[in-house]
Protein backbone atom coordinates (compact mmCIF):
# COMPACT_ATOMS: atom_id res chain seq x y z
CA MET A 1 128.32 81.94 172.29
CA SER A 2 129.68 81.36 168.80
CA GLU A 3 126.19 80.40 167.59
CA LEU A 4 124.79 83.70 168.83
CA THR A 5 127.62 85.56 167.12
CA ASP A 6 126.99 83.76 163.80
CA ALA A 7 123.27 84.44 164.05
CA SER A 8 123.87 88.14 164.71
CA ILE A 9 126.26 88.30 161.76
CA ARG A 10 123.67 86.71 159.46
CA ILE A 11 121.00 89.13 160.66
CA THR A 12 123.37 92.06 160.06
CA ASP A 13 124.19 90.79 156.54
CA ARG A 14 120.50 90.45 155.73
CA GLU A 15 119.81 93.96 156.98
CA ARG A 16 122.70 95.33 154.93
CA THR A 17 121.54 93.47 151.82
CA GLY A 18 117.97 94.71 152.30
CA HIS A 19 119.20 98.28 152.71
CA GLN A 20 121.29 98.03 149.52
CA ARG A 21 118.33 96.64 147.59
CA ARG A 22 116.07 99.45 148.82
CA SER A 23 118.73 101.99 147.90
CA ILE A 24 119.13 100.54 144.41
CA SER A 25 115.35 100.37 143.97
CA GLY A 26 114.97 103.99 145.09
CA THR A 27 117.70 105.15 142.71
CA ARG A 28 116.13 103.23 139.84
CA THR A 29 112.69 104.69 140.56
CA PHE A 30 114.12 108.21 140.69
CA THR A 31 115.97 107.69 137.39
CA GLN A 32 112.85 106.34 135.69
CA THR A 33 110.78 109.26 136.99
CA VAL A 34 113.27 111.83 135.70
CA THR A 35 113.45 110.02 132.35
CA HIS A 36 109.66 109.99 132.00
CA LEU A 37 109.44 113.68 132.87
CA VAL A 38 112.07 114.56 130.27
CA LEU A 39 110.27 112.48 127.64
CA ILE A 40 106.95 114.12 128.49
CA VAL A 41 108.48 117.60 128.16
CA LEU A 42 110.05 116.69 124.80
CA ALA A 43 106.75 115.22 123.58
CA VAL A 44 104.88 118.39 124.54
CA ILE A 45 107.48 120.60 122.84
CA THR A 46 107.17 118.48 119.69
CA LEU A 47 103.38 118.11 119.61
CA VAL A 48 102.27 121.63 120.51
CA PRO A 49 103.35 123.21 117.16
CA VAL A 50 101.73 120.36 115.21
CA ILE A 51 98.47 120.71 117.15
CA LEU A 52 98.53 124.47 116.61
CA VAL A 53 99.01 123.99 112.85
CA VAL A 54 96.12 121.52 112.65
CA SER A 55 93.88 123.81 114.71
CA THR A 56 94.71 126.85 112.58
CA THR A 57 94.10 124.91 109.38
CA LEU A 58 90.64 123.75 110.43
CA LYS A 59 89.40 127.13 111.69
CA THR A 60 87.50 129.73 109.71
CA PRO A 61 89.61 132.56 108.23
CA GLN A 62 87.80 135.07 110.47
CA ASP A 63 88.51 133.01 113.58
CA VAL A 64 92.18 132.72 112.61
CA ARG A 65 92.48 136.50 112.47
CA VAL A 66 90.57 137.12 115.71
CA ASN A 67 91.91 134.24 117.81
CA PRO A 68 95.02 132.79 116.13
CA PHE A 69 96.17 130.77 119.18
CA GLY A 70 92.79 129.34 120.15
CA LEU A 71 92.62 125.59 119.70
CA PHE A 72 89.75 124.21 117.59
CA THR A 73 87.40 127.12 118.31
CA SER A 74 85.68 126.65 114.92
CA PHE A 75 85.65 124.29 111.97
CA SER A 76 86.11 125.06 108.28
CA LEU A 77 87.91 123.55 105.28
CA GLN A 78 88.30 126.90 103.54
CA ASN A 79 92.01 127.21 104.40
CA LEU A 80 92.72 123.78 102.90
CA ILE A 81 90.72 124.64 99.77
CA ASP A 82 92.58 127.94 99.33
CA ALA A 83 95.98 126.29 99.79
CA TRP A 84 95.09 123.42 97.45
CA THR A 85 93.73 125.63 94.63
CA ILE A 86 95.04 129.17 94.96
CA GLY A 87 98.35 128.10 96.48
CA ARG A 88 98.83 125.29 93.90
CA PHE A 89 99.77 122.79 96.60
CA SER A 90 98.17 120.05 94.50
CA ASP A 91 100.89 120.61 91.89
CA TYR A 92 103.57 120.86 94.57
CA LEU A 93 102.45 117.54 96.05
CA VAL A 94 102.78 115.79 92.68
CA ASP A 95 106.24 117.29 92.14
CA SER A 96 107.33 116.15 95.63
CA ILE A 97 106.20 112.61 94.85
CA LEU A 98 107.99 112.66 91.49
CA LEU A 99 111.21 113.74 93.20
CA THR A 100 111.07 111.75 96.42
CA VAL A 101 109.84 108.32 95.36
CA PRO A 102 112.41 107.63 92.57
CA SER A 103 115.32 109.04 94.59
CA THR A 104 114.32 106.99 97.65
CA LEU A 105 114.03 103.80 95.59
CA LEU A 106 117.43 104.42 94.00
CA VAL A 107 119.10 105.03 97.37
CA VAL A 108 117.56 101.91 98.93
CA VAL A 109 118.38 99.63 95.98
CA ILE A 110 121.95 100.88 95.46
CA SER A 111 122.73 101.03 99.19
CA THR A 112 121.37 97.53 99.81
CA MET A 113 123.43 96.02 97.00
CA ALA A 114 126.53 98.00 98.00
CA GLY A 115 126.11 97.07 101.66
CA TYR A 116 125.87 93.39 100.77
CA THR A 117 128.92 93.66 98.52
CA PHE A 118 131.10 95.31 101.15
CA ALA A 119 129.90 92.97 103.92
CA ARG A 120 129.84 89.54 102.25
CA LEU A 121 131.91 89.53 99.05
CA PRO A 122 135.70 89.36 99.43
CA PHE A 123 137.62 91.35 96.83
CA ARG A 124 140.82 93.34 96.70
CA GLY A 125 140.54 96.88 98.03
CA ARG A 126 137.21 96.28 99.72
CA ALA A 127 138.08 98.16 102.92
CA PHE A 128 139.58 101.10 101.01
CA LEU A 129 136.56 101.44 98.73
CA PHE A 130 134.17 101.20 101.66
CA TYR A 131 135.91 103.99 103.56
CA LEU A 132 135.99 106.00 100.36
CA VAL A 133 132.19 105.68 100.12
CA VAL A 134 131.73 106.51 103.80
CA LEU A 135 133.91 109.59 103.28
CA GLY A 136 130.87 111.11 101.64
CA LEU A 137 129.33 111.42 105.11
CA LEU A 138 132.14 113.75 106.14
CA VAL A 139 131.98 116.11 103.15
CA PRO A 140 129.36 118.87 103.58
CA PHE A 141 127.02 119.39 100.66
CA PHE A 142 127.74 123.13 100.72
CA THR A 143 131.33 122.48 99.63
CA PHE A 144 130.37 121.14 96.20
CA MET A 145 126.86 122.43 95.51
CA ILE A 146 128.06 125.31 93.32
CA PRO A 147 130.44 123.22 91.13
CA LEU A 148 127.67 120.62 90.84
CA TYR A 149 125.32 123.34 89.58
CA PHE A 150 127.64 124.19 86.69
CA GLN A 151 128.33 120.53 85.99
CA LEU A 152 124.62 119.76 85.70
CA ARG A 153 124.18 122.76 83.42
CA SER A 154 127.02 121.63 81.17
CA ILE A 155 125.47 118.18 80.63
CA GLY A 156 121.92 119.45 80.21
CA LEU A 157 120.47 118.12 83.47
CA LEU A 158 119.95 121.44 85.23
CA ASP A 159 116.29 122.29 85.85
CA THR A 160 115.19 118.73 85.05
CA LEU A 161 113.64 116.05 87.24
CA PRO A 162 116.35 113.45 86.42
CA GLY A 163 119.08 115.89 87.46
CA ALA A 164 117.44 116.72 90.80
CA ILE A 165 116.71 113.03 91.42
CA LEU A 166 120.35 112.13 90.81
CA VAL A 167 121.52 114.81 93.22
CA LEU A 168 119.09 113.64 95.92
CA THR A 169 120.24 110.06 95.36
CA SER A 170 123.91 110.94 95.62
CA THR A 171 123.40 112.62 99.00
CA GLY A 172 121.94 109.46 100.55
CA ILE A 173 124.07 106.63 99.20
CA SER A 174 126.95 107.03 101.66
CA PHE A 175 124.77 106.74 104.74
CA GLY A 176 122.63 104.02 103.15
CA THR A 177 125.67 101.87 102.31
CA PHE A 178 127.12 102.30 105.80
CA PHE A 179 123.73 101.50 107.36
CA MET A 180 122.98 98.37 105.32
CA ARG A 181 126.52 96.97 105.59
CA ALA A 182 126.05 96.75 109.37
CA PHE A 183 122.99 94.53 108.90
CA PHE A 184 124.57 92.21 106.34
CA ALA A 185 127.82 91.91 108.29
CA GLU A 186 126.06 90.41 111.32
CA LEU A 187 124.27 87.62 109.44
CA PRO A 188 125.65 84.11 110.11
CA VAL A 189 127.91 82.70 107.41
CA GLU A 190 126.08 79.35 107.58
CA PHE A 191 123.13 80.74 105.66
CA GLU A 192 125.05 81.52 102.50
CA GLN A 193 127.23 78.42 102.84
CA SER A 194 124.13 76.22 102.91
CA ALA A 195 122.74 78.03 99.87
CA ARG A 196 125.99 77.55 97.95
CA VAL A 197 125.99 73.84 98.79
CA ASP A 198 122.49 73.65 97.32
CA GLY A 199 123.81 75.22 94.10
CA ALA A 200 122.47 78.78 94.51
CA SER A 201 124.19 81.56 92.62
CA GLU A 202 125.43 84.74 94.31
CA TRP A 203 122.38 86.64 93.05
CA GLN A 204 120.01 83.98 94.37
CA ILE A 205 121.75 84.06 97.75
CA PHE A 206 121.36 87.83 97.86
CA VAL A 207 117.71 87.92 96.79
CA ARG A 208 116.28 84.78 98.37
CA VAL A 209 118.40 84.31 101.48
CA MET A 210 119.89 87.64 102.59
CA LEU A 211 117.25 90.22 101.70
CA PRO A 212 114.45 88.66 103.80
CA LEU A 213 116.78 88.70 106.82
CA VAL A 214 117.42 92.46 106.62
CA GLY A 215 113.84 93.58 106.01
CA SER A 216 113.80 95.77 109.12
CA GLY A 217 116.96 97.55 107.98
CA ILE A 218 115.51 98.16 104.51
CA GLY A 219 112.29 99.52 106.04
CA ALA A 220 114.18 101.84 108.37
CA LEU A 221 116.44 103.08 105.56
CA THR A 222 113.39 103.70 103.37
CA VAL A 223 111.78 105.89 106.03
CA PHE A 224 115.01 107.80 106.77
CA THR A 225 115.69 108.45 103.10
CA PHE A 226 112.10 109.40 102.29
CA LEU A 227 112.00 111.90 105.16
CA ALA A 228 115.32 113.45 104.15
CA ASN A 229 114.37 113.78 100.46
CA TRP A 230 110.81 114.91 101.12
CA ASN A 231 111.95 117.66 103.49
CA ASN A 232 114.91 118.72 101.35
CA PHE A 233 114.62 122.40 100.55
CA LEU A 234 117.97 123.46 99.12
CA ILE A 235 118.40 120.93 96.29
CA PRO A 236 115.06 121.61 94.53
CA LEU A 237 115.47 125.35 95.02
CA LEU A 238 119.00 125.35 93.59
CA TYR A 239 118.78 122.79 90.79
CA LEU A 240 115.19 123.50 89.65
CA PRO A 241 115.50 127.28 89.26
CA SER A 242 112.74 127.93 86.70
CA GLY A 243 109.94 126.77 88.99
CA GLU A 244 108.48 124.35 86.46
CA TYR A 245 108.99 121.60 89.03
CA ARG A 246 108.55 122.75 92.59
CA PRO A 247 108.11 120.38 95.56
CA LEU A 248 106.16 121.22 98.68
CA THR A 249 109.12 122.64 100.60
CA ALA A 250 110.03 125.14 97.87
CA GLY A 251 106.35 125.77 97.10
CA LEU A 252 105.64 126.61 100.73
CA TYR A 253 108.55 129.04 100.68
CA MET A 254 107.24 130.76 97.55
CA PHE A 255 103.70 130.77 98.93
CA THR A 256 104.95 132.45 102.09
CA GLY A 257 106.49 135.33 100.11
CA GLY A 258 103.29 137.23 99.41
CA ARG A 259 101.14 135.89 102.24
CA SER A 260 103.00 136.70 105.41
CA LEU A 261 99.71 137.71 107.13
CA ASP A 262 97.47 135.01 105.64
CA ILE A 263 98.07 132.52 108.41
CA GLY A 264 95.26 130.07 107.62
CA PRO A 265 96.38 128.99 104.14
CA LEU A 266 99.99 128.94 105.33
CA ALA A 267 99.06 126.52 108.11
CA ALA A 268 97.10 124.44 105.59
CA GLY A 269 100.11 124.30 103.27
CA THR A 270 102.29 123.25 106.19
CA LEU A 271 99.82 120.49 107.09
CA ILE A 272 99.78 119.24 103.48
CA THR A 273 103.59 119.15 103.58
CA ILE A 274 103.97 117.18 106.82
CA LEU A 275 100.95 114.87 106.53
CA PRO A 276 102.46 112.35 104.03
CA VAL A 277 105.58 111.77 106.13
CA ILE A 278 103.48 111.26 109.27
CA VAL A 279 101.36 108.68 107.43
CA LEU A 280 104.48 106.92 106.13
CA PHE A 281 106.00 106.75 109.59
CA VAL A 282 102.77 105.37 111.09
CA LEU A 283 102.61 102.68 108.40
CA LEU A 284 106.28 101.66 108.78
CA GLN A 285 106.85 102.37 112.47
CA ARG A 286 107.36 98.67 113.23
CA GLN A 287 110.16 98.40 110.66
CA VAL A 288 111.74 101.61 111.95
CA THR A 289 111.61 100.37 115.55
CA GLN A 290 113.07 97.00 114.60
CA GLY A 291 115.78 98.78 112.62
CA PHE A 292 116.69 100.90 115.65
CA ILE A 293 116.76 97.86 117.93
CA SER A 294 118.83 95.79 115.49
CA GLY A 295 121.23 98.68 114.99
CA ALA A 296 121.63 99.09 118.75
CA VAL A 297 122.32 95.36 119.19
CA LYS A 298 124.84 95.39 116.35
CA GLY A 299 126.53 98.48 117.77
């Protein structure tokens, strides 16, 4: 009798376990389905405007006026030619490169060195100085943009490329330092101890040992900073008032002023503006993904 009771108990336990597993599997499948649907909806919302811009750019001007929302109903490069020549987007592209590349390099170099300093070098007041740097993330740019305008004018840097580059650099150093410190702080101490035993200087440890280990973080920071500086509209508009240097964002705004109905060249100018950042992201997507994963693991 007891054997039958034990057997029935085991059968009941197996049935209960199987039911729980099926329930968990069903819940997991439902969650994954909902997640995929949400991601698909977000992808469609993101891609539809880009596809519409590309389609409008590559259509004939007549087709744009007759059928503005038709996708790839004709093919012509006239809109790109008009934006490149009449709209001066070739000059705007050069100015964007002159502003974005130096400011991005400065942010990455300074933030990497500062992140290593705050993470690996012991010195008095390190925590206080680090939080003072991170405080820059909490101060909105709008609170000091007007005093900064007069300060740049007083030292002769207003309406100059160096002045705008310095302003773009200053807006990214706080985040860059905070970002890179997280990567350096998680590296094992044994690496630098071994290098010191071998007689390496602090600079050699930083360049030869530590930098190769945080390559994904540097790549991710480069992409983040480049995107932020390339798409920045307010700083060039405010601190380059004469229009001698005008990046793509400000140039597109000025081009829009007198061409509110000329949709084709406007779409072409928009495509010229977004194409470089798309290419950069495609080239460095592996570093960006690794940076996200490493940041999630560190968090």
